N, C-alpha and C. Protein backbone atom coordinates (compact mmCIF):
# COMPACT_ATOMS: atom_id res chain seq x y z
N MET A 1 0.84 -1.17 0.00
CA MET A 1 0.00 0.00 0.00
C MET A 1 0.89 1.24 0.00
N LYS A 2 0.52 2.21 -0.79
CA LYS A 2 1.28 3.43 -0.91
C LYS A 2 0.97 4.36 0.27
N GLU A 3 2.05 4.93 0.86
CA GLU A 3 1.85 5.88 1.95
C GLU A 3 1.29 7.17 1.38
N ARG A 4 0.30 7.72 2.06
CA ARG A 4 -0.36 8.93 1.57
C ARG A 4 0.02 10.11 2.44
N GLU A 5 0.20 11.25 1.79
CA GLU A 5 0.45 12.49 2.49
C GLU A 5 -0.86 13.25 2.57
N GLY A 6 -1.02 14.05 3.59
CA GLY A 6 -2.23 14.85 3.69
C GLY A 6 -2.48 15.28 5.11
N PHE A 7 -3.72 15.60 5.38
CA PHE A 7 -4.12 16.09 6.68
C PHE A 7 -4.67 14.96 7.53
N SER A 8 -4.50 15.08 8.84
CA SER A 8 -5.06 14.08 9.74
C SER A 8 -6.57 14.26 9.80
N ILE A 9 -7.27 13.23 10.22
CA ILE A 9 -8.73 13.30 10.32
C ILE A 9 -9.14 14.36 11.35
N GLU A 10 -8.35 14.53 12.39
CA GLU A 10 -8.66 15.55 13.41
C GLU A 10 -8.56 16.95 12.82
N THR A 11 -7.58 17.18 11.98
CA THR A 11 -7.44 18.49 11.33
C THR A 11 -8.63 18.76 10.42
N VAL A 12 -9.06 17.76 9.70
CA VAL A 12 -10.21 17.91 8.80
C VAL A 12 -11.47 18.18 9.60
N ARG A 13 -11.66 17.46 10.68
CA ARG A 13 -12.86 17.67 11.52
C ARG A 13 -12.87 19.08 12.11
N ARG A 14 -11.70 19.52 12.61
CA ARG A 14 -11.62 20.86 13.20
C ARG A 14 -11.91 21.93 12.14
N ALA A 15 -11.36 21.75 10.95
CA ALA A 15 -11.61 22.70 9.86
C ALA A 15 -13.09 22.71 9.47
N ASN A 16 -13.72 21.55 9.48
CA ASN A 16 -15.13 21.46 9.14
C ASN A 16 -15.99 22.21 10.16
N VAL A 17 -15.71 22.01 11.43
CA VAL A 17 -16.46 22.70 12.49
C VAL A 17 -16.25 24.20 12.35
N ASN A 18 -15.00 24.62 12.15
CA ASN A 18 -14.72 26.05 12.00
C ASN A 18 -15.43 26.64 10.80
N MET A 19 -15.49 25.90 9.71
CA MET A 19 -16.19 26.37 8.51
C MET A 19 -17.68 26.54 8.79
N ILE A 20 -18.27 25.55 9.47
CA ILE A 20 -19.70 25.63 9.80
C ILE A 20 -19.98 26.83 10.70
N LEU A 21 -19.07 27.09 11.65
CA LEU A 21 -19.24 28.21 12.57
C LEU A 21 -18.85 29.56 11.95
N GLY A 22 -18.27 29.53 10.77
CA GLY A 22 -17.89 30.77 10.10
C GLY A 22 -16.57 31.35 10.56
N VAL A 23 -15.74 30.53 11.21
CA VAL A 23 -14.43 30.98 11.69
C VAL A 23 -13.47 31.00 10.50
N LYS A 24 -12.83 32.14 10.28
CA LYS A 24 -11.88 32.26 9.17
C LYS A 24 -10.50 31.75 9.61
N PRO A 25 -9.80 31.02 8.75
CA PRO A 25 -8.46 30.55 9.09
C PRO A 25 -7.47 31.72 9.14
N GLU A 26 -6.39 31.54 9.91
CA GLU A 26 -5.36 32.57 9.99
C GLU A 26 -4.63 32.71 8.66
N HIS A 27 -4.44 31.61 7.96
CA HIS A 27 -3.73 31.61 6.69
C HIS A 27 -4.55 30.87 5.66
N ARG A 28 -4.44 31.31 4.42
CA ARG A 28 -5.07 30.57 3.35
C ARG A 28 -4.16 29.42 2.96
N ILE A 29 -4.72 28.29 2.61
CA ILE A 29 -3.91 27.12 2.25
C ILE A 29 -3.00 27.44 1.08
N SER A 30 -3.46 28.29 0.18
CA SER A 30 -2.65 28.60 -1.00
C SER A 30 -1.41 29.41 -0.65
N ASP A 31 -1.37 30.02 0.54
CA ASP A 31 -0.18 30.76 0.97
C ASP A 31 1.01 29.85 1.15
N LYS A 32 0.78 28.58 1.46
CA LYS A 32 1.86 27.64 1.72
C LYS A 32 2.15 26.73 0.54
N LEU A 33 1.37 26.83 -0.52
CA LEU A 33 1.56 25.97 -1.68
C LEU A 33 1.98 26.80 -2.88
N SER A 34 2.85 26.25 -3.70
CA SER A 34 3.22 26.93 -4.94
C SER A 34 2.11 26.75 -5.96
N SER A 35 2.16 27.55 -7.00
CA SER A 35 1.14 27.41 -8.05
C SER A 35 1.25 26.04 -8.71
N GLU A 36 2.47 25.48 -8.76
CA GLU A 36 2.65 24.15 -9.34
C GLU A 36 1.98 23.09 -8.46
N ASP A 37 2.09 23.24 -7.13
CA ASP A 37 1.43 22.30 -6.21
C ASP A 37 -0.08 22.33 -6.40
N ILE A 38 -0.63 23.53 -6.51
CA ILE A 38 -2.07 23.68 -6.68
C ILE A 38 -2.52 23.10 -8.01
N GLU A 39 -1.76 23.39 -9.07
CA GLU A 39 -2.11 22.87 -10.39
C GLU A 39 -2.07 21.35 -10.42
N ARG A 40 -1.04 20.75 -9.79
CA ARG A 40 -0.92 19.29 -9.75
C ARG A 40 -2.08 18.67 -8.96
N ALA A 41 -2.44 19.29 -7.83
CA ALA A 41 -3.55 18.77 -7.02
C ALA A 41 -4.87 18.84 -7.79
N LEU A 42 -5.10 19.93 -8.49
CA LEU A 42 -6.32 20.05 -9.29
C LEU A 42 -6.36 19.02 -10.42
N ARG A 43 -5.19 18.80 -11.04
CA ARG A 43 -5.12 17.82 -12.13
C ARG A 43 -5.39 16.40 -11.61
N GLU A 44 -4.78 16.07 -10.46
CA GLU A 44 -4.99 14.74 -9.87
C GLU A 44 -6.44 14.55 -9.44
N ALA A 45 -7.03 15.58 -8.83
CA ALA A 45 -8.42 15.47 -8.40
C ALA A 45 -9.34 15.32 -9.60
N SER A 46 -9.07 16.07 -10.65
CA SER A 46 -9.88 15.98 -11.86
C SER A 46 -9.80 14.59 -12.47
N MET A 47 -8.59 14.02 -12.49
CA MET A 47 -8.43 12.67 -13.03
C MET A 47 -9.23 11.65 -12.21
N LYS A 48 -9.20 11.80 -10.89
CA LYS A 48 -9.91 10.86 -10.02
C LYS A 48 -11.42 11.00 -10.18
N VAL A 49 -11.89 12.23 -10.30
CA VAL A 49 -13.34 12.46 -10.36
C VAL A 49 -13.89 12.16 -11.75
N PHE A 50 -13.22 12.70 -12.77
CA PHE A 50 -13.76 12.60 -14.11
C PHE A 50 -13.10 11.51 -14.96
N GLY A 51 -11.93 11.04 -14.55
CA GLY A 51 -11.20 10.07 -15.35
C GLY A 51 -11.50 8.64 -15.01
N GLY A 52 -12.25 8.41 -13.94
CA GLY A 52 -12.61 7.06 -13.56
C GLY A 52 -11.47 6.24 -13.03
N MET A 53 -10.44 6.89 -12.49
CA MET A 53 -9.31 6.14 -11.94
C MET A 53 -9.72 5.41 -10.68
N LYS A 54 -9.18 4.22 -10.50
CA LYS A 54 -9.45 3.46 -9.28
C LYS A 54 -8.48 3.88 -8.21
N ASN A 55 -8.93 3.93 -6.96
CA ASN A 55 -8.06 4.26 -5.84
C ASN A 55 -7.18 3.08 -5.52
N ASP A 56 -5.93 3.35 -5.08
CA ASP A 56 -5.01 2.28 -4.69
C ASP A 56 -5.34 1.74 -3.34
């Protein structure tokens, strides 16, 4: 199985609660990512959603 990078489930839950409550984050996620990182993530997400790729 391939090791995955990303956010912990606790981070996602906390962000979800903050979003529901209308709490704005201190930093935008794009502040820490290069335009190449964002473009690659969008391309990968698009392939998974629209390309019918199977998850590993």
